[in-house]
């Protein structure tokens, strides 16, 4: 059977008039509501107002307009079922074969600065989800469109066959239930917590139930390895514009995320280079080219194929320096025109422009897979500042050592455990990551500095977790370090403190650990 009647009621109206003109050209009667009917009328498209169709006016400031038996009866009745056919004939209900609905912009509303609860509640759509679900339930006979991307393919099928295929209707129905589930989840999270980000916490501080419904943003070529399928979900491109290069990979996205979290710790002009979610080097200076050289000097081999992130506008001099090595991705809040022109000459280099601050961008909770389910935790946001630190050795850090300790502490938080960072007041000198023992990380970071031709004399050491034994700080002292920052908390803290005192090393405790598995 050919589609004879369509009901259209949308908030997002882009592309609608062309689609509706296509329906009208096929002789399909259009029923519509409010602003949608007005738009169609202005475009010269005949549409029957919903109140005219149902014989009942819109009431309660538009809260009730499509919740009517003539609407839902026309959607839900099963074609060819005798009792259903008799019921709609008896009550003067006509078939509605096509529904085009998208929902009130609840999510967009609650993301606005200063939105009130009353404003948010008025953007909870009732009639829209009801029509969508009715149509999707009866997709054996009814075509339902919730996404404007489906206008063109549906219209093409209608032109060819007068109706859509069952396969198409089922695909569209699935999209409806995915959309309404996500919509309801956003509302429940907001009403439960007052934000669009977090589920309501229980008395112990964590949700009793954790649900997530996130739309697919893009399919990825593969995951961590070529044999693994992958896709990205959510709003990554609300925070970034891709200005150049091929599509981001799974690993690129994880590296960009790690880079964004690291650079978010720095207000000073900073350049950071990352590889496999770990910083290879971090440098800061008023002149970005100088900051780049400081970051690169930490390790001139590992940055090959890495991620570079800058928290200032990328200028031509820096672009020229970066162009000397192969990089996968560059992230900056802005690119000078001549710098962008130069970098675009590298075909495979992905260039991202950061549009919004990304620290704590989506949620204060994070989750990971475990056997049989997931584990959920609060994200490791913020850190203990120097004013909260405690000097535990006989000698307090000098002013220059204190500046260097703060620099190293901000970096080591973003290095995989066990993490050791040698630093000065404006650059990393050696980084040891992901070892099974902390002393091994200390030795590796010192070895990396030696390989890079950097001296550790007068450097400081930052450790993401406590030193379980004194061997780590002894190794650091022998390498030339004069001060240490670490959380403390080991049963052998006194032994570690005594070792620092013996080697005239100043040490502070932060009393906050930053383990990263």
Protein backbone atom coordinates (compact mmCIF):
# COMPACT_ATOMS: atom_id res chain seq x y z
CA UNK A 1 0.00 0.00 0.00
CA UNK A 2 1.18 3.49 -0.80
CA UNK A 3 1.70 6.09 1.90
CA UNK A 4 -1.28 8.42 1.82
CA UNK A 5 -1.01 10.55 4.96
CA UNK A 6 1.90 12.01 6.95
CA UNK A 7 2.04 13.78 10.31
CA UNK A 8 4.88 16.28 10.68
CA UNK A 9 5.82 18.03 13.94
CA UNK A 10 9.44 19.07 14.39
CA UNK A 11 11.61 21.41 16.47
CA UNK A 12 14.64 21.16 14.17
CA UNK A 13 13.31 22.39 10.83
CA UNK A 14 16.41 22.26 8.64
CA UNK A 15 15.70 20.46 5.37
CA UNK A 16 12.02 20.03 6.19
CA UNK A 17 10.45 22.18 3.47
CA UNK A 18 12.22 20.34 0.65
CA UNK A 19 11.14 17.02 2.12
CA UNK A 20 7.54 18.18 2.59
CA UNK A 21 7.42 19.50 -0.98
CA UNK A 22 8.51 16.05 -2.12
CA UNK A 23 5.69 14.45 -0.14
CA UNK A 24 3.13 16.91 -1.49
CA UNK A 25 4.29 16.24 -5.05
CA UNK A 26 3.52 12.57 -4.47
CA UNK A 27 -0.04 13.43 -3.39
CA UNK A 28 0.56 12.63 0.29
CA UNK A 29 -1.72 14.53 2.66
CA UNK A 30 0.21 16.37 5.40
CA UNK A 31 -1.02 16.97 8.95
CA UNK A 32 1.02 19.35 11.07
CA UNK A 33 1.24 21.32 14.30
CA UNK A 34 1.98 24.87 15.46
CA UNK A 35 5.24 26.31 14.17
CA UNK A 36 5.76 23.46 11.74
CA UNK A 37 2.38 24.11 10.07
CA UNK A 38 3.22 27.80 9.85
CA UNK A 39 6.56 27.08 8.20
CA UNK A 40 4.96 24.76 5.65
CA UNK A 41 2.25 27.30 4.88
CA UNK A 42 4.85 30.01 4.28
CA UNK A 43 6.60 27.65 1.87
CA UNK A 44 3.33 27.18 -0.05
CA UNK A 45 2.76 23.62 1.19
CA UNK A 46 -0.78 22.68 2.14
CA UNK A 47 -0.92 21.19 5.66
CA UNK A 48 -3.97 20.32 7.77
CA UNK A 49 -3.66 21.79 11.28
CA UNK A 50 -3.73 19.10 13.98
CA UNK A 51 -6.71 20.73 15.73
CA UNK A 52 -8.66 20.65 12.46
CA UNK A 53 -7.74 16.99 12.00
CA UNK A 54 -8.70 15.86 15.52
CA UNK A 55 -11.60 18.27 16.00
CA UNK A 56 -10.04 19.28 19.33
CA UNK A 57 -8.09 22.50 19.98
CA UNK A 58 -4.53 22.71 21.23
CA UNK A 59 -4.78 23.49 24.97
CA UNK A 60 -2.58 24.24 27.98
CA UNK A 61 -0.22 26.45 25.98
CA UNK A 62 0.48 23.63 23.54
CA UNK A 63 1.12 20.95 26.17
CA UNK A 64 -1.79 18.95 24.73
CA UNK A 65 -2.19 18.83 20.98
CA UNK A 66 -1.27 15.41 19.54
CA UNK A 67 -2.37 13.25 22.50
CA UNK A 68 -5.61 12.21 20.80
CA UNK A 69 -7.15 8.89 19.67
CA UNK A 70 -7.35 10.11 16.08
CA UNK A 71 -3.57 10.49 16.11
CA UNK A 72 -2.55 7.37 18.02
CA UNK A 73 -5.35 5.28 16.62
CA UNK A 74 -4.22 6.21 13.12
CA UNK A 75 -0.66 5.18 14.03
CA UNK A 76 -1.24 2.05 16.08
CA UNK A 77 -4.00 0.19 14.34
CA UNK A 78 -2.84 -2.98 12.62
CA UNK A 79 -3.60 -2.92 8.94
CA UNK A 80 -5.52 -5.96 7.79
CA UNK A 81 -6.67 -6.96 11.31
CA UNK A 82 -10.47 -7.06 11.07
CA UNK A 83 -11.25 -5.85 14.61
CA UNK A 84 -8.82 -2.94 14.22
CA UNK A 85 -10.28 -1.98 10.85
CA UNK A 86 -13.78 -2.03 12.35
CA UNK A 87 -12.70 0.14 15.33
CA UNK A 88 -11.15 2.91 13.30
CA UNK A 89 -14.09 2.94 10.89
CA UNK A 90 -16.52 3.19 13.79
CA UNK A 91 -14.67 6.15 15.34
CA UNK A 92 -13.82 7.98 12.12
CA UNK A 93 -10.09 7.46 12.45
CA UNK A 94 -7.91 7.63 9.35
CA UNK A 95 -4.58 5.92 8.83
CA UNK A 96 -1.37 7.88 9.39
CA UNK A 97 1.33 6.12 7.41
CA UNK A 98 4.32 8.41 7.95
CA UNK A 99 5.43 10.32 11.05
CA UNK A 100 8.16 12.95 11.05
CA UNK A 101 9.01 14.16 14.54
CA UNK A 102 12.06 15.46 16.35
CA UNK A 103 11.94 16.39 19.98
CA UNK A 104 11.99 19.56 22.02
CA UNK A 105 15.60 20.67 22.55
CA UNK A 106 15.87 19.63 26.20
CA UNK A 107 19.61 18.92 26.15
CA UNK A 108 20.44 22.14 24.34
CA UNK A 109 18.31 24.07 26.84
CA UNK A 110 19.99 22.71 29.98
CA UNK A 111 23.42 23.43 28.51
CA UNK A 112 22.64 27.15 28.43
CA UNK A 113 24.15 29.32 31.13
CA UNK A 114 21.70 30.19 33.90
CA UNK A 115 18.81 28.03 32.70
CA UNK A 116 16.11 27.58 35.35
CA UNK A 117 14.38 24.35 36.33
CA UNK A 118 11.08 25.74 35.04
CA UNK A 119 12.63 26.49 31.64
CA UNK A 120 14.10 23.00 31.48
CA UNK A 121 10.82 21.31 32.38
CA UNK A 122 8.97 23.15 29.61
CA UNK A 123 11.36 21.53 27.14
CA UNK A 124 10.37 18.00 28.18
CA UNK A 125 8.53 16.70 25.13
CA UNK A 126 5.49 14.50 25.76
CA UNK A 127 3.56 14.30 22.52
CA UNK A 128 6.67 13.83 20.39
CA UNK A 129 8.01 10.70 22.09
CA UNK A 130 4.48 9.30 22.26
CA UNK A 131 3.96 9.63 18.50
CA UNK A 132 7.43 8.29 17.77
CA UNK A 133 6.93 5.23 19.95
CA UNK A 134 3.46 4.54 18.55
CA UNK A 135 4.76 4.71 15.00
CA UNK A 136 7.88 2.68 15.79
CA UNK A 137 5.85 0.00 17.55
CA UNK A 138 3.71 -0.35 14.42
CA UNK A 139 6.65 -0.11 11.99
CA UNK A 140 5.24 -3.09 10.13
CA UNK A 141 2.98 -0.52 8.50
CA UNK A 142 4.19 2.93 9.57
CA UNK A 143 7.35 4.79 8.54
CA UNK A 144 8.81 7.01 11.25
CA UNK A 145 11.55 9.62 10.87
CA UNK A 146 13.32 11.16 13.87
CA UNK A 147 16.54 12.19 12.09
CA UNK A 148 16.60 14.73 9.21
CA UNK A 149 19.42 12.66 7.68
CA UNK A 150 16.71 10.17 6.69
CA UNK A 151 14.62 12.63 4.66
CA UNK A 152 16.45 12.05 1.39
CA UNK A 153 16.62 8.21 1.42
CA UNK A 154 12.97 7.89 2.50
CA UNK A 155 11.81 10.30 -0.19
CA UNK A 156 13.81 8.36 -2.77
CA UNK A 157 12.05 5.12 -1.78
CA UNK A 158 8.66 6.82 -1.91
CA UNK A 159 9.33 8.09 -5.41
CA UNK A 160 10.27 4.60 -6.58
CA UNK A 161 7.72 2.45 -4.76
CA UNK A 162 5.16 4.71 -3.08
CA UNK A 163 6.22 3.27 0.27
CA UNK A 164 9.30 2.23 2.21
CA UNK A 165 10.60 -1.28 2.60
CA UNK A 166 10.08 -3.22 5.84
CA UNK A 167 13.85 -3.23 6.29
CA UNK A 168 13.91 0.57 6.15
CA UNK A 169 10.96 0.89 8.54
CA UNK A 170 12.63 -1.43 11.05
CA UNK A 171 15.90 0.51 10.83
CA UNK A 172 14.06 3.77 11.43
CA UNK A 173 12.12 2.26 14.35
CA UNK A 174 15.36 1.20 16.04
CA UNK A 175 16.66 4.75 15.68
CA UNK A 176 13.48 6.03 17.36
CA UNK A 177 13.88 3.84 20.44
CA UNK A 178 17.56 4.74 20.70
CA UNK A 179 16.66 8.43 20.51
CA UNK A 180 13.85 8.34 23.05
CA UNK A 181 15.95 6.25 25.46
CA UNK A 182 18.75 8.80 25.30
CA UNK A 183 16.27 11.67 25.65
CA UNK A 184 14.69 10.15 28.76
CA UNK A 185 18.11 9.40 30.24
CA UNK A 186 19.18 13.03 29.84
CA UNK A 187 16.00 14.20 31.58
CA UNK A 188 16.33 11.74 34.47
CA UNK A 189 19.97 12.66 35.05
CA UNK A 190 19.13 16.36 35.05
CA UNK A 191 16.16 16.08 37.38
CA UNK A 192 18.08 13.72 39.67
CA UNK A 193 21.17 15.87 40.05
CA UNK A 194 20.47 19.34 38.69
CA UNK A 195 22.91 18.91 35.81
CA UNK A 196 22.92 17.10 32.49
CA UNK A 197 26.10 15.24 33.42
CA UNK A 198 25.70 13.13 36.51
CA UNK A 199 23.35 10.44 37.82
CA UNK A 200 21.98 11.04 41.29
CA UNK A 201 24.39 9.91 43.99
CA UNK A 202 23.35 7.61 46.82
CA UNK A 203 24.33 8.09 50.47
CA UNK A 204 27.71 6.42 49.92
CA UNK A 205 28.49 8.93 47.16
CA UNK A 206 28.04 6.68 44.12
CA UNK A 207 24.93 5.99 41.99
CA UNK A 208 22.72 3.04 42.87
CA UNK A 209 22.14 2.61 39.15
CA UNK A 210 24.34 3.77 36.31
CA UNK A 211 22.89 4.21 32.85
CA UNK A 212 24.46 5.73 29.78
CA UNK A 213 22.96 6.48 26.39
CA UNK A 214 25.29 8.29 24.02
CA UNK A 215 24.76 8.84 20.28
CA UNK A 216 27.32 7.58 17.80
CA UNK A 217 29.52 10.40 16.53
CA UNK A 218 31.46 8.44 13.92
CA UNK A 219 32.63 4.98 12.94
CA UNK A 220 36.36 4.49 13.25
CA UNK A 221 38.53 2.52 10.85
CA UNK A 222 39.46 0.15 13.70
CA UNK A 223 40.26 0.11 17.40
CA UNK A 224 43.61 -0.24 19.14
CA UNK A 225 44.52 -2.89 16.59
CA UNK A 226 43.35 -3.42 12.99
CA UNK A 227 41.31 -6.53 13.85
CA UNK A 228 39.16 -4.61 16.41
CA UNK A 229 36.03 -2.75 15.29
CA UNK A 230 35.47 0.65 16.92
CA UNK A 231 33.32 3.77 16.92
CA UNK A 232 33.27 7.06 18.81
CA UNK A 233 30.21 8.19 20.73
CA UNK A 234 29.22 11.49 22.29
CA UNK A 235 30.16 15.10 21.61
CA UNK A 236 33.88 15.11 20.84
CA UNK A 237 33.35 17.52 17.97
CA UNK A 238 31.55 20.01 20.22
CA UNK A 239 34.99 20.62 21.69
CA UNK A 240 37.12 20.32 18.56
CA UNK A 241 37.04 21.30 14.90
CA UNK A 242 39.22 19.19 12.62
CA UNK A 243 40.87 21.59 10.20
CA UNK A 244 42.99 19.16 8.21
CA UNK A 245 44.05 15.55 7.79
CA UNK A 246 42.45 12.14 7.61
CA UNK A 247 39.94 10.85 10.14
CA UNK A 248 41.02 10.46 13.73
CA UNK A 249 41.81 6.94 14.86
CA UNK A 250 40.80 5.24 18.10
CA UNK A 251 44.31 5.75 19.49
CA UNK A 252 44.38 9.39 18.32
CA UNK A 253 41.20 10.11 20.28
CA UNK A 254 42.58 8.60 23.48
CA UNK A 255 45.84 10.52 23.06
CA UNK A 256 44.02 13.80 22.42
CA UNK A 257 41.99 13.22 25.58
CA UNK A 258 45.13 12.58 27.63
CA UNK A 259 46.76 15.66 26.10
CA UNK A 260 43.76 17.86 26.89
CA UNK A 261 43.74 16.74 30.53
CA UNK A 262 47.47 17.44 30.86
CA UNK A 263 47.45 20.88 29.21
CA UNK A 264 44.49 21.85 31.37
CA UNK A 265 46.82 21.93 34.38
CA UNK A 266 48.81 24.84 32.92
CA UNK A 267 47.88 28.49 32.59
CA UNK A 268 51.34 29.48 31.37
CA UNK A 269 52.22 29.24 27.65
CA UNK A 270 52.89 25.50 27.39
CA UNK A 271 53.73 22.88 24.79
CA UNK A 272 53.30 19.18 25.56
CA UNK A 273 54.17 16.13 23.47
CA UNK A 274 52.43 12.83 24.22
CA UNK A 275 52.67 9.26 23.01
CA UNK A 276 50.46 6.34 24.08
CA UNK A 277 48.66 8.53 26.65
CA UNK A 278 51.96 9.47 28.35
CA UNK A 279 53.81 12.79 28.11
CA UNK A 280 57.17 12.55 26.33
CA UNK A 281 58.02 16.10 27.27
CA UNK A 282 56.48 19.32 28.57
CA UNK A 283 57.93 22.82 28.34
CA UNK A 284 56.76 26.30 29.13
CA UNK A 285 58.05 29.68 27.97
CA UNK A 286 56.64 33.01 26.81
CA UNK A 287 57.85 32.18 23.31
CA UNK A 288 56.18 28.99 22.07
CA UNK A 289 59.20 27.97 19.98
CA UNK A 290 61.25 27.95 23.20
CA UNK A 291 58.59 25.93 25.02
CA UNK A 292 58.64 23.45 22.11
CA UNK A 293 62.40 23.03 22.30
CA UNK A 294 62.22 22.40 26.04
CA UNK A 295 59.52 19.76 25.57
CA UNK A 296 61.29 18.10 22.65
CA UNK A 297 64.66 18.08 24.41
CA UNK A 298 63.30 15.66 27.04
CA UNK A 299 63.12 12.89 24.46
CA UNK A 300 63.86 13.42 20.78
CA UNK A 301 62.94 9.86 19.73
CA UNK A 302 59.57 9.11 21.36
CA UNK A 303 57.67 12.09 19.84
CA UNK A 304 57.79 10.47 16.37
CA UNK A 305 54.14 9.87 15.52
CA UNK A 306 52.98 11.58 18.70
CA UNK A 307 50.41 14.19 19.75
CA UNK A 308 51.39 17.84 20.22
CA UNK A 309 49.18 20.17 22.22
CA UNK A 310 49.59 23.92 22.77
CA UNK A 311 47.52 26.25 24.94
CA UNK A 312 48.21 29.38 22.88
CA UNK A 313 47.74 30.36 19.24
CA UNK A 314 50.16 28.33 17.12
CA UNK A 315 52.48 30.72 15.26
CA UNK A 316 54.63 30.28 12.15
CA UNK A 317 57.94 29.79 13.99
CA UNK A 318 56.50 26.97 16.06
CA UNK A 319 54.86 25.45 12.96
CA UNK A 320 58.23 25.45 11.19
CA UNK A 321 59.87 23.70 14.13
CA UNK A 322 57.10 21.13 14.49
CA UNK A 323 57.27 20.37 10.77
CA UNK A 324 60.75 18.95 11.23
CA UNK A 325 59.35 15.78 12.84
CA UNK A 326 56.45 13.46 11.95
CA UNK A 327 53.43 13.97 14.18
CA UNK A 328 49.98 12.37 14.13
CA UNK A 329 47.92 15.20 15.63
CA UNK A 330 48.39 18.83 16.65
CA UNK A 331 45.88 20.52 18.99
CA UNK A 332 45.74 24.28 19.55
CA UNK A 333 43.07 26.84 20.44
CA UNK A 334 43.97 28.85 17.34
CA UNK A 335 46.31 28.75 14.33
CA UNK A 336 47.83 31.79 12.69
CA UNK A 337 46.98 31.74 8.98
CA UNK A 338 50.56 31.28 7.77
CA UNK A 339 51.17 28.54 10.33
CA UNK A 340 48.02 26.71 9.24
CA UNK A 341 48.98 27.02 5.58
CA UNK A 342 52.39 25.49 6.30
CA UNK A 343 51.09 22.61 8.40
CA UNK A 344 48.41 21.74 5.84
CA UNK A 345 51.17 20.79 3.43
CA UNK A 346 51.58 17.61 5.47
CA UNK A 347 48.86 15.39 4.04
CA UNK A 348 48.48 12.98 6.94
CA UNK A 349 48.85 15.47 9.79
CA UNK A 350 45.58 15.94 11.67
CA UNK A 351 45.02 19.49 12.89
CA UNK A 352 42.47 20.09 15.64
CA UNK A 353 41.23 23.45 16.86
CA UNK A 354 40.03 23.40 20.45
CA UNK A 355 36.74 25.30 20.67
CA UNK A 356 35.84 24.80 24.33
CA UNK A 357 37.73 23.99 27.54
CA UNK A 358 37.86 20.22 27.81
CA UNK A 359 38.75 19.72 31.46
CA UNK A 360 35.76 18.06 33.15
CA UNK A 361 33.95 18.43 29.85
CA UNK A 362 31.40 15.68 30.15
CA UNK A 363 31.27 13.99 33.52
CA UNK A 364 32.87 13.81 36.94
CA UNK A 365 32.51 10.03 36.75
CA UNK A 366 34.47 7.58 34.63
CA UNK A 367 34.02 3.87 34.05
CA UNK A 368 35.96 0.91 32.75
CA UNK A 369 35.15 -2.64 31.80
CA UNK A 370 35.59 -5.41 34.32
CA UNK A 371 34.57 -9.08 34.26
CA UNK A 372 30.80 -9.19 34.44
CA UNK A 373 30.22 -5.44 34.31
CA UNK A 374 31.92 -2.12 34.89
CA UNK A 375 33.69 -0.29 37.69
CA UNK A 376 32.79 3.34 38.25
CA UNK A 377 34.79 6.04 39.98
CA UNK A 378 35.03 9.79 40.34
CA UNK A 379 37.53 11.33 37.94
CA UNK A 380 40.83 12.45 39.38
CA UNK A 381 40.15 16.17 39.08
CA UNK A 382 42.12 18.89 40.81
CA UNK A 383 45.23 18.42 42.91
CA UNK A 384 46.81 19.53 46.16
CA UNK A 385 48.48 22.91 45.66
CA UNK A 386 51.80 23.94 47.24
CA UNK A 387 50.03 25.78 50.06
CA UNK A 388 48.65 22.39 51.17
CA UNK A 389 52.01 20.60 51.04
CA UNK A 390 54.05 19.77 54.12
CA UNK A 391 57.82 19.93 54.34
CA UNK A 392 58.92 16.70 56.04
CA UNK A 393 62.73 17.03 55.81
CA UNK A 394 65.17 19.17 57.77
CA UNK A 395 65.68 21.36 54.72
CA UNK A 396 62.76 23.12 53.02
CA UNK A 397 62.81 23.57 49.23
CA UNK A 398 64.32 26.77 47.93
CA UNK A 399 62.13 29.16 45.97
CA UNK A 400 63.41 27.77 42.66
CA UNK A 401 62.99 24.18 43.85
CA UNK A 402 59.41 24.93 44.92
CA UNK A 403 58.58 26.27 41.44
CA UNK A 404 60.13 23.19 39.85
CA UNK A 405 58.28 20.85 42.24
CA UNK A 406 54.95 22.44 41.28
CA UNK A 407 55.78 22.04 37.59
CA UNK A 408 56.79 18.38 38.03
CA UNK A 409 53.76 17.60 40.17
CA UNK A 410 51.37 18.85 37.48
CA UNK A 411 53.08 16.64 34.90
CA UNK A 412 53.48 13.45 36.94
CA UNK A 413 49.73 13.33 37.58
CA UNK A 414 49.32 12.50 33.88
CA UNK A 415 52.01 9.81 33.60
CA UNK A 416 51.04 6.15 33.88
CA UNK A 417 52.02 4.57 37.21
CA UNK A 418 54.50 3.91 38.59
CA UNK A 419 55.43 7.45 37.52
CA UNK A 420 58.60 9.44 38.11
CA UNK A 421 59.33 12.84 36.54
CA UNK A 422 62.59 14.75 36.77
CA UNK A 423 61.98 18.43 36.13
CA UNK A 424 63.32 21.95 36.40
CA UNK A 425 61.10 24.99 36.87
CA UNK A 426 60.02 25.10 33.20
CA UNK A 427 60.62 21.72 31.58
CA UNK A 428 60.66 17.99 32.01
CA UNK A 429 64.13 16.41 32.06
CA UNK A 430 63.33 12.71 32.33
CA UNK A 431 60.10 10.69 32.52
CA UNK A 432 59.70 7.12 33.75
CA UNK A 433 56.27 5.53 33.26
CA UNK A 434 54.37 2.31 33.74
CA UNK A 435 56.96 0.20 35.51
CA UNK A 436 56.23 -2.55 38.01
CA UNK A 437 58.49 -0.96 40.64
CA UNK A 438 59.00 2.71 41.40
CA UNK A 439 62.77 2.44 41.58
CA UNK A 440 62.77 1.13 38.00
CA UNK A 441 60.83 4.23 36.89
CA UNK A 442 63.35 6.40 38.73
CA UNK A 443 66.26 4.67 36.97
CA UNK A 444 64.56 4.82 33.55
CA UNK A 445 63.75 8.53 33.85
CA UNK A 446 67.39 9.24 34.81
CA UNK A 447 68.60 7.10 31.91
CA UNK A 448 66.28 8.92 29.49
CA UNK A 449 67.71 12.25 30.64
CA UNK A 450 71.23 10.97 30.08
CA UNK A 451 70.27 9.70 26.61
CA UNK A 452 68.89 13.16 25.81
CA UNK A 453 72.10 14.82 27.01
CA UNK A 454 70.36 16.61 29.88
CA UNK A 455 71.92 17.07 33.28
CA UNK A 456 69.90 16.27 36.39
CA UNK A 457 72.13 18.31 38.66
CA UNK A 458 69.85 20.59 40.66
CA UNK A 459 66.68 18.98 39.30
CA UNK A 460 63.62 17.93 41.30
CA UNK A 461 61.71 14.66 41.31
CA UNK A 462 57.93 14.18 41.33
CA UNK A 463 56.36 10.82 42.17
CA UNK A 464 52.66 10.09 41.63
CA UNK A 465 52.49 7.79 44.67
CA UNK A 466 54.61 7.20 47.77
CA UNK A 467 58.09 5.74 47.70
CA UNK A 468 57.70 2.33 49.38
CA UNK A 469 61.43 2.16 50.10
CA UNK A 470 64.29 4.62 50.32
CA UNK A 471 66.02 3.23 47.21
CA UNK A 472 63.99 5.49 44.87
CA UNK A 473 65.01 8.77 46.53
CA UNK A 474 68.59 7.56 46.94
CA UNK A 475 68.73 6.89 43.19
CA UNK A 476 67.28 10.34 42.55
CA UNK A 477 69.83 12.01 44.84
CA UNK A 478 72.71 10.18 43.14
CA UNK A 479 71.37 11.39 39.78
CA UNK A 480 71.61 14.99 41.01
CA UNK A 481 68.09 15.77 42.26
CA UNK A 482 67.89 18.15 45.21
CA UNK A 483 64.15 18.07 46.04
CA UNK A 484 61.27 15.60 45.95
CA UNK A 485 57.48 15.91 45.87
CA UNK A 486 55.37 12.84 46.66
CA UNK A 487 52.09 11.99 48.40
CA UNK A 488 53.58 10.18 51.40
CA UNK A 489 51.68 7.48 53.22
CA UNK A 490 54.14 4.57 53.22
CA UNK A 491 54.83 2.59 56.40
CA UNK A 492 58.48 3.41 55.61
CA UNK A 493 57.97 7.16 55.23
CA UNK A 494 60.47 7.84 58.01
CA UNK A 495 63.08 5.69 56.30
CA UNK A 496 62.57 7.69 53.10
CA UNK A 497 62.73 11.00 55.00
CA UNK A 498 65.97 9.93 56.71
CA UNK A 499 67.50 9.07 53.33
CA UNK A 500 66.59 12.54 52.01
CA UNK A 501 68.10 14.21 55.06
CA UNK A 502 71.28 12.15 54.67
CA UNK A 503 71.65 13.40 51.06
CA UNK A 504 70.52 16.99 51.85
CA UNK A 505 67.42 16.54 49.67
CA UNK A 506 64.33 18.59 50.51
CA UNK A 507 61.05 16.69 50.41
CA UNK A 508 57.41 17.69 50.62
CA UNK A 509 54.32 15.50 51.08
CA UNK A 510 51.12 16.38 49.20
CA UNK A 511 48.93 13.76 50.91
CA UNK A 512 47.14 13.16 47.62
CA UNK A 513 47.99 10.34 45.24
CA UNK A 514 47.56 10.40 41.45
CA UNK A 515 47.82 6.77 40.36
CA UNK A 516 46.93 6.09 36.70
CA UNK A 517 46.48 2.46 35.61
